[in-house]
């Protein structure tokens, strides 16, 4: 330790700011060289090593209703929010079918890998609508990015249509199945009652005979003449049983008509169920004449078609070069200081 003329302690190993600046200036060529080298390496890595990323945006509008009318009656959708509907775009069925349609191999693109290339955000801040969503799809080139977005959206619509159809088909099929069993029980009871009434009718006389009842018709022919005319009358019990039989037959006809209608409905729904199973097996969605619902294309749509991106999103070469300049400058400064004070200590 030494003391200067103002009796202020001075340590020889202290770094003076002026000395530090002079040290950096003395080795400015080394600092500049390292800065340029690192910046060039960062630029080359960004341009030739990192894969470019191009993004295509899908502006999807969803306004699915809570209920809708089908040929089988009113059906309530199980999903209640548009956010839940848009999240289905990243469901496994949609992703798997998209991978197959794009011709990707399982080694090239995985389900999780493709999901990471899809981002979903809500456009309410931009458009003021809670029904508008922005889906961004990324790929290595503009053409692939556009094709991937179009394929994803097409598979999303197919899945939405099949999913809503599947829920409705299962609901109505189970409902009709329960109704059929109830009608079968009612039909059996009605037929049993009809048979009992027919047997009872066969044992009941239609007319009440002359000895049991007379209908007196008095006609005033003269002041002292009365005539009594005996006739047979219809048995009221017979009429009651006969009316019951007619009501039984009408009830049976109505039940059988309902059962035939439900049977036709269930046959149609069986066709739908087979098409749904085929979709989950092959990824191919069919449009049938007996379709329960076709509301997806009406309530889910693109206000404008997607377009291929004109420039890549990443990597940003200028930003990476700037980062290389900063890192290179820091490395150069550290190297200059290390060299200066390391050799200084060696001399001491």
Protein backbone atom coordinates (compact mmCIF):
# COMPACT_ATOMS: atom_id res chain seq x y z
CA UNK A 1 0.00 0.00 0.00
CA UNK A 2 1.25 3.54 -0.80
CA UNK A 3 0.04 7.01 0.09
CA UNK A 4 -0.32 9.85 -2.38
CA UNK A 5 0.39 13.51 -1.66
CA UNK A 6 -3.02 13.98 -0.08
CA UNK A 7 -2.32 11.12 2.35
CA UNK A 8 -5.06 9.01 0.69
CA UNK A 9 -4.29 5.30 0.84
CA UNK A 10 -3.59 3.79 -2.56
CA UNK A 11 -3.50 0.06 -3.29
CA UNK A 12 -1.37 -1.10 -6.17
CA UNK A 13 -3.90 -3.79 -7.15
CA UNK A 14 -6.77 -1.30 -7.48
CA UNK A 15 -8.12 -0.77 -11.00
CA UNK A 16 -8.15 2.83 -12.11
CA UNK A 17 -10.98 3.84 -14.49
CA UNK A 18 -8.58 5.70 -16.76
CA UNK A 19 -6.27 2.73 -16.79
CA UNK A 20 -9.22 0.44 -17.63
CA UNK A 21 -10.27 2.61 -20.56
CA UNK A 22 -6.69 2.80 -21.85
CA UNK A 23 -6.41 -0.98 -21.59
CA UNK A 24 -9.54 -1.47 -23.67
CA UNK A 25 -8.37 1.11 -26.19
CA UNK A 26 -4.99 -0.56 -26.47
CA UNK A 27 -6.66 -3.85 -27.35
CA UNK A 28 -9.42 -2.39 -29.44
CA UNK A 29 -8.43 -4.43 -32.47
CA UNK A 30 -8.85 -7.67 -30.56
CA UNK A 31 -12.24 -6.54 -29.18
CA UNK A 32 -13.47 -5.47 -32.61
CA UNK A 33 -12.20 -8.67 -34.19
CA UNK A 34 -13.94 -10.90 -31.66
CA UNK A 35 -17.13 -8.85 -32.01
CA UNK A 36 -17.11 -9.23 -35.80
CA UNK A 37 -16.30 -12.93 -35.65
CA UNK A 38 -19.11 -13.72 -33.22
CA UNK A 39 -21.58 -11.52 -35.16
CA UNK A 40 -20.67 -13.26 -38.43
CA UNK A 41 -20.98 -16.68 -36.83
CA UNK A 42 -24.37 -15.74 -35.36
CA UNK A 43 -25.55 -14.50 -38.76
CA UNK A 44 -24.35 -17.64 -40.55
CA UNK A 45 -25.94 -19.87 -37.90
CA UNK A 46 -29.22 -17.99 -38.26
CA UNK A 47 -29.22 -18.13 -42.07
CA UNK A 48 -27.82 -21.58 -42.78
CA UNK A 49 -28.39 -23.73 -39.68
CA UNK A 50 -31.69 -22.65 -38.14
CA UNK A 51 -34.76 -23.77 -40.08
CA UNK A 52 -36.99 -20.92 -41.29
CA UNK A 53 -40.50 -20.68 -39.86
CA UNK A 54 -43.44 -19.40 -41.89
CA UNK A 55 -46.84 -18.80 -40.28
CA UNK A 56 -50.31 -18.92 -41.83
CA UNK A 57 -53.22 -17.50 -39.86
CA UNK A 58 -56.80 -18.79 -39.79
CA UNK A 59 -59.48 -16.36 -38.59
CA UNK A 60 -62.24 -18.73 -37.46
CA UNK A 61 -65.68 -17.53 -36.39
CA UNK A 62 -67.71 -19.90 -34.19
CA UNK A 63 -71.31 -19.26 -33.16
CA UNK A 64 -72.69 -22.69 -32.32
CA UNK A 65 -76.26 -22.69 -30.92
CA UNK A 66 -77.27 -24.27 -27.64
CA UNK A 67 -80.16 -26.17 -29.23
CA UNK A 68 -81.20 -27.05 -32.75
CA UNK A 69 -84.05 -28.88 -34.44
CA UNK A 70 -83.47 -32.24 -36.11
CA UNK A 71 -85.86 -34.55 -37.92
CA UNK A 72 -86.10 -36.48 -34.66
CA UNK A 73 -86.81 -33.51 -32.42
CA UNK A 74 -84.96 -30.76 -30.59
CA UNK A 75 -81.46 -31.59 -29.42
CA UNK A 76 -79.33 -29.75 -26.83
CA UNK A 77 -75.62 -29.62 -27.61
CA UNK A 78 -73.35 -30.92 -24.84
CA UNK A 79 -70.69 -28.20 -25.35
CA UNK A 80 -71.70 -24.76 -24.13
CA UNK A 81 -68.82 -22.35 -24.96
CA UNK A 82 -67.10 -21.37 -28.21
CA UNK A 83 -63.73 -21.64 -26.48
CA UNK A 84 -64.34 -25.35 -25.95
CA UNK A 85 -65.19 -25.73 -29.64
CA UNK A 86 -62.03 -23.99 -30.87
CA UNK A 87 -59.85 -26.08 -28.55
CA UNK A 88 -61.00 -29.16 -30.45
CA UNK A 89 -58.81 -28.06 -33.37
CA UNK A 90 -55.86 -29.57 -31.47
CA UNK A 91 -57.66 -32.82 -30.61
CA UNK A 92 -55.87 -36.06 -31.42
CA UNK A 93 -58.28 -37.10 -34.18
CA UNK A 94 -57.80 -33.80 -36.03
CA UNK A 95 -54.01 -33.94 -35.66
CA UNK A 96 -53.74 -37.60 -36.73
CA UNK A 97 -55.86 -37.04 -39.84
CA UNK A 98 -53.88 -33.91 -40.69
CA UNK A 99 -50.58 -35.80 -40.43
CA UNK A 100 -51.96 -38.50 -42.75
CA UNK A 101 -53.35 -36.01 -45.28
CA UNK A 102 -50.09 -34.04 -45.35
CA UNK A 103 -48.12 -37.22 -45.97
CA UNK A 104 -45.92 -36.79 -42.91
CA UNK A 105 -44.21 -39.89 -41.54
CA UNK A 106 -44.40 -40.73 -37.83
CA UNK A 107 -40.64 -40.21 -37.57
CA UNK A 108 -40.85 -36.82 -39.25
CA UNK A 109 -43.78 -35.29 -37.36
CA UNK A 110 -45.32 -36.53 -34.11
CA UNK A 111 -48.73 -35.66 -32.68
CA UNK A 112 -47.19 -33.52 -29.93
CA UNK A 113 -44.77 -31.96 -32.41
CA UNK A 114 -47.57 -30.82 -34.69
CA UNK A 115 -49.61 -29.52 -31.76
CA UNK A 116 -46.67 -27.28 -30.82
CA UNK A 117 -46.82 -25.75 -34.31
CA UNK A 118 -50.43 -24.69 -33.74
CA UNK A 119 -51.39 -21.77 -31.50
CA UNK A 120 -54.89 -20.58 -30.70
CA UNK A 121 -55.79 -17.09 -29.49
CA UNK A 122 -59.01 -15.11 -29.20
CA UNK A 123 -59.58 -12.09 -31.39
CA UNK A 124 -61.95 -10.26 -29.04
CA UNK A 125 -59.36 -7.56 -28.35
CA UNK A 126 -58.99 -6.90 -32.08
CA UNK A 127 -62.50 -7.44 -33.40
CA UNK A 128 -64.63 -6.95 -30.30
CA UNK A 129 -66.22 -10.36 -30.87
CA UNK A 130 -66.02 -13.26 -28.44
CA UNK A 131 -66.80 -15.64 -31.33
CA UNK A 132 -63.68 -14.88 -33.37
CA UNK A 133 -60.48 -16.88 -32.93
CA UNK A 134 -57.06 -16.74 -34.57
CA UNK A 135 -55.27 -20.03 -35.22
CA UNK A 136 -51.63 -19.79 -36.30
CA UNK A 137 -49.98 -22.70 -38.13
CA UNK A 138 -46.21 -22.80 -38.75
CA UNK A 139 -44.11 -24.72 -41.28
CA UNK A 140 -40.72 -24.62 -43.00
CA UNK A 141 -41.90 -22.91 -46.20
CA UNK A 142 -44.86 -20.71 -47.27
CA UNK A 143 -46.56 -23.35 -49.45
CA UNK A 144 -46.42 -26.02 -46.77
CA UNK A 145 -47.67 -23.56 -44.16
CA UNK A 146 -50.73 -22.67 -46.27
CA UNK A 147 -51.49 -26.29 -47.14
CA UNK A 148 -51.13 -27.34 -43.51
CA UNK A 149 -53.55 -24.61 -42.40
CA UNK A 150 -56.12 -25.58 -45.05
CA UNK A 151 -55.83 -29.30 -44.23
CA UNK A 152 -56.09 -28.65 -40.50
CA UNK A 153 -59.24 -26.54 -40.94
CA UNK A 154 -60.88 -29.12 -43.23
CA UNK A 155 -60.19 -31.92 -40.74
CA UNK A 156 -61.43 -29.71 -37.92
CA UNK A 157 -64.77 -29.18 -39.67
CA UNK A 158 -65.10 -32.91 -40.36
CA UNK A 159 -64.35 -33.76 -36.73
CA UNK A 160 -66.79 -31.15 -35.43
CA UNK A 161 -69.52 -32.47 -37.72
CA UNK A 162 -68.89 -36.09 -36.74
CA UNK A 163 -68.61 -35.27 -33.04
CA UNK A 164 -71.90 -33.34 -32.86
CA UNK A 165 -73.56 -35.97 -35.04
CA UNK A 166 -72.25 -38.79 -32.85
CA UNK A 167 -73.60 -37.20 -29.68
CA UNK A 168 -77.02 -36.59 -31.26
CA UNK A 169 -77.17 -40.06 -32.84
CA UNK A 170 -76.34 -41.77 -29.56
CA UNK A 171 -78.87 -39.64 -27.72
CA UNK A 172 -81.74 -40.36 -30.11
CA UNK A 173 -80.81 -44.01 -30.61
CA UNK A 174 -80.87 -44.65 -26.88
CA UNK A 175 -84.07 -42.63 -26.51
CA UNK A 176 -85.82 -44.56 -29.30
CA UNK A 177 -84.57 -47.84 -27.90
CA UNK A 178 -86.15 -47.04 -24.53
CA UNK A 179 -89.37 -45.96 -26.24
CA UNK A 180 -89.45 -49.19 -28.25
CA UNK A 181 -89.20 -51.30 -25.12
CA UNK A 182 -91.94 -49.27 -23.46
CA UNK A 183 -94.16 -49.64 -26.55
CA UNK A 184 -93.51 -53.37 -26.69
CA UNK A 185 -94.77 -53.69 -23.13
CA UNK A 186 -97.82 -51.55 -23.93
CA UNK A 187 -98.49 -53.59 -27.08
CA UNK A 188 -98.34 -56.83 -25.15
CA UNK A 189 -100.77 -55.52 -22.53
CA UNK A 190 -103.15 -54.21 -25.20
CA UNK A 191 -103.13 -57.51 -27.07
CA UNK A 192 -103.75 -59.42 -23.85
CA UNK A 193 -106.66 -57.12 -23.02
CA UNK A 194 -108.01 -57.44 -26.58
CA UNK A 195 -107.95 -61.23 -26.39
CA UNK A 196 -109.72 -61.14 -23.03
CA UNK A 197 -112.42 -58.80 -24.36
CA UNK A 198 -112.91 -60.92 -27.48
CA UNK A 199 -113.37 -64.03 -25.32
CA UNK A 200 -115.79 -62.14 -23.10
CA UNK A 201 -117.68 -60.84 -26.13
CA UNK A 202 -118.08 -64.36 -27.45
CA UNK A 203 -119.73 -65.39 -24.17
CA UNK A 204 -122.01 -62.34 -23.96
CA UNK A 205 -125.40 -62.41 -25.76
CA UNK A 206 -125.90 -59.58 -28.15
CA UNK A 207 -129.65 -59.31 -27.55
CA UNK A 208 -131.85 -59.61 -24.51
CA UNK A 209 -134.59 -62.14 -25.33
CA UNK A 210 -138.40 -61.54 -25.37
CA UNK A 211 -139.04 -63.21 -22.05
CA UNK A 212 -136.69 -60.90 -20.25
CA UNK A 213 -137.82 -57.56 -21.46
CA UNK A 214 -140.76 -56.03 -23.22
CA UNK A 215 -141.19 -52.69 -24.76
CA UNK A 216 -144.73 -51.45 -24.31
CA UNK A 217 -146.03 -49.24 -26.99
CA UNK A 218 -149.39 -47.94 -26.16
CA UNK A 219 -151.35 -46.57 -29.03
CA UNK A 220 -154.66 -44.87 -28.42
CA UNK A 221 -156.83 -46.47 -31.09
CA UNK A 222 -160.02 -45.76 -29.23
CA UNK A 223 -161.06 -44.89 -25.79
CA UNK A 224 -160.86 -48.46 -24.45
CA UNK A 225 -158.07 -50.23 -26.55
CA UNK A 226 -154.39 -50.95 -25.46
CA UNK A 227 -151.78 -52.89 -27.54
CA UNK A 228 -148.59 -54.47 -26.05
CA UNK A 229 -145.80 -55.22 -28.67
CA UNK A 230 -143.02 -57.55 -27.45
CA UNK A 231 -139.47 -56.89 -29.05
CA UNK A 232 -135.84 -58.05 -28.44
CA UNK A 233 -133.38 -55.35 -27.14
CA UNK A 234 -129.59 -55.01 -27.56
CA UNK A 235 -127.54 -56.07 -24.53
CA UNK A 236 -125.76 -52.95 -23.13
CA UNK A 237 -122.90 -55.13 -21.79
CA UNK A 238 -122.30 -56.44 -25.28
CA UNK A 239 -122.10 -52.90 -26.65
CA UNK A 240 -119.67 -51.91 -23.88
CA UNK A 241 -117.36 -54.85 -24.59
CA UNK A 242 -117.57 -54.24 -28.33
CA UNK A 243 -116.56 -50.59 -27.86
CA UNK A 244 -113.65 -51.69 -25.66
CA UNK A 245 -112.47 -54.05 -28.41
CA UNK A 246 -112.58 -51.22 -30.94
CA UNK A 247 -110.56 -49.00 -28.58
CA UNK A 248 -108.06 -51.87 -28.03
CA UNK A 249 -107.57 -52.31 -31.76
CA UNK A 250 -107.09 -48.58 -32.27
CA UNK A 251 -104.55 -48.50 -29.46
CA UNK A 252 -102.70 -51.48 -30.97
CA UNK A 253 -102.64 -49.83 -34.39
CA UNK A 254 -101.30 -46.60 -32.88
CA UNK A 255 -98.62 -48.45 -30.91
CA UNK A 256 -97.56 -50.49 -33.95
CA UNK A 257 -97.40 -47.32 -36.08
CA UNK A 258 -95.17 -45.65 -33.48
CA UNK A 259 -93.00 -48.76 -33.27
CA UNK A 260 -92.64 -48.86 -37.06
CA UNK A 261 -91.65 -45.19 -37.09
CA UNK A 262 -89.09 -45.69 -34.31
CA UNK A 263 -87.81 -48.76 -36.12
CA UNK A 264 -87.26 -46.72 -39.30
CA UNK A 265 -85.52 -44.00 -37.29
CA UNK A 266 -83.23 -46.54 -35.64
CA UNK A 267 -82.37 -48.04 -39.04
CA UNK A 268 -81.38 -44.56 -40.25
CA UNK A 269 -79.36 -43.99 -37.09
CA UNK A 270 -77.62 -47.35 -37.58
CA UNK A 271 -76.42 -46.09 -40.95
CA UNK A 272 -75.15 -42.93 -39.26
CA UNK A 273 -73.41 -44.95 -36.56
CA UNK A 274 -71.65 -47.05 -39.19
CA UNK A 275 -70.44 -43.87 -40.95
CA UNK A 276 -69.19 -42.46 -37.65
CA UNK A 277 -67.27 -45.67 -36.90
CA UNK A 278 -65.74 -45.50 -40.37
CA UNK A 279 -64.60 -41.93 -39.72
CA UNK A 280 -62.81 -42.88 -36.51
CA UNK A 281 -61.28 -45.86 -38.29
CA UNK A 282 -60.20 -44.23 -41.56
CA UNK A 283 -60.57 -40.47 -41.02
CA UNK A 284 -63.04 -40.20 -43.91
CA UNK A 285 -66.26 -38.35 -43.11
CA UNK A 286 -69.37 -39.14 -45.17
CA UNK A 287 -72.38 -36.92 -45.83
CA UNK A 288 -75.55 -38.99 -45.70
CA UNK A 289 -79.12 -38.24 -46.75
CA UNK A 290 -80.28 -39.23 -43.30
CA UNK A 291 -77.81 -36.91 -41.59
CA UNK A 292 -78.98 -35.82 -38.18
CA UNK A 293 -77.23 -32.48 -38.31
CA UNK A 294 -75.36 -30.34 -40.78
CA UNK A 295 -75.02 -27.17 -38.76
CA UNK A 296 -71.21 -27.04 -38.47
CA UNK A 297 -70.62 -25.48 -41.88
CA UNK A 298 -73.26 -22.87 -41.05
CA UNK A 299 -72.01 -21.89 -37.61
CA UNK A 300 -68.24 -22.39 -38.08
CA UNK A 301 -66.66 -20.48 -40.97
CA UNK A 302 -63.76 -18.37 -42.22
CA UNK A 303 -64.61 -14.74 -43.02
CA UNK A 304 -61.71 -14.80 -45.49
CA UNK A 305 -59.58 -17.66 -46.83
CA UNK A 306 -56.02 -18.09 -45.53
CA UNK A 307 -53.12 -16.84 -47.66
CA UNK A 308 -49.52 -17.99 -47.90
CA UNK A 309 -47.08 -15.88 -45.83
CA UNK A 310 -44.79 -13.59 -47.80
CA UNK A 311 -41.95 -13.56 -45.27
CA UNK A 312 -40.67 -15.84 -42.57
CA UNK A 313 -41.46 -15.26 -38.93
CA UNK A 314 -38.23 -16.68 -37.57
CA UNK A 315 -35.31 -16.77 -37.31
CA UNK A 316 -34.83 -13.00 -37.48
CA UNK A 317 -31.37 -12.66 -38.96
CA UNK A 318 -30.86 -9.01 -38.06
CA UNK A 319 -31.82 -9.65 -34.44
CA UNK A 320 -29.52 -12.65 -34.21
CA UNK A 321 -26.63 -10.62 -35.67
CA UNK A 322 -27.31 -7.86 -33.13
CA UNK A 323 -27.21 -10.43 -30.35
CA UNK A 324 -23.94 -11.73 -31.82
CA UNK A 325 -22.48 -8.21 -31.76
CA UNK A 326 -23.38 -7.78 -28.09
CA UNK A 327 -22.02 -11.20 -27.10
CA UNK A 328 -18.89 -10.72 -29.23
CA UNK A 329 -18.24 -7.31 -27.67
CA UNK A 330 -18.63 -8.71 -24.16
CA UNK A 331 -16.33 -11.59 -25.00
CA UNK A 332 -13.75 -9.23 -26.50
CA UNK A 333 -13.80 -6.95 -23.42
CA UNK A 334 -13.42 -9.92 -21.09
CA UNK A 335 -10.55 -11.31 -23.16
CA UNK A 336 -8.80 -7.92 -23.23
CA UNK A 337 -9.07 -7.43 -19.47
CA UNK A 338 -8.03 -10.98 -18.78
CA UNK A 339 -4.98 -10.69 -21.00
CA UNK A 340 -3.97 -7.32 -19.55
CA UNK A 341 -4.19 -8.16 -15.87
CA UNK A 342 -3.12 -11.77 -16.17
CA UNK A 343 0.18 -10.83 -17.78
CA UNK A 344 0.48 -7.91 -15.38
CA UNK A 345 0.35 -10.29 -12.43
CA UNK A 346 2.91 -12.55 -14.13
CA UNK A 347 5.33 -9.66 -14.49
CA UNK A 348 4.93 -8.85 -10.83
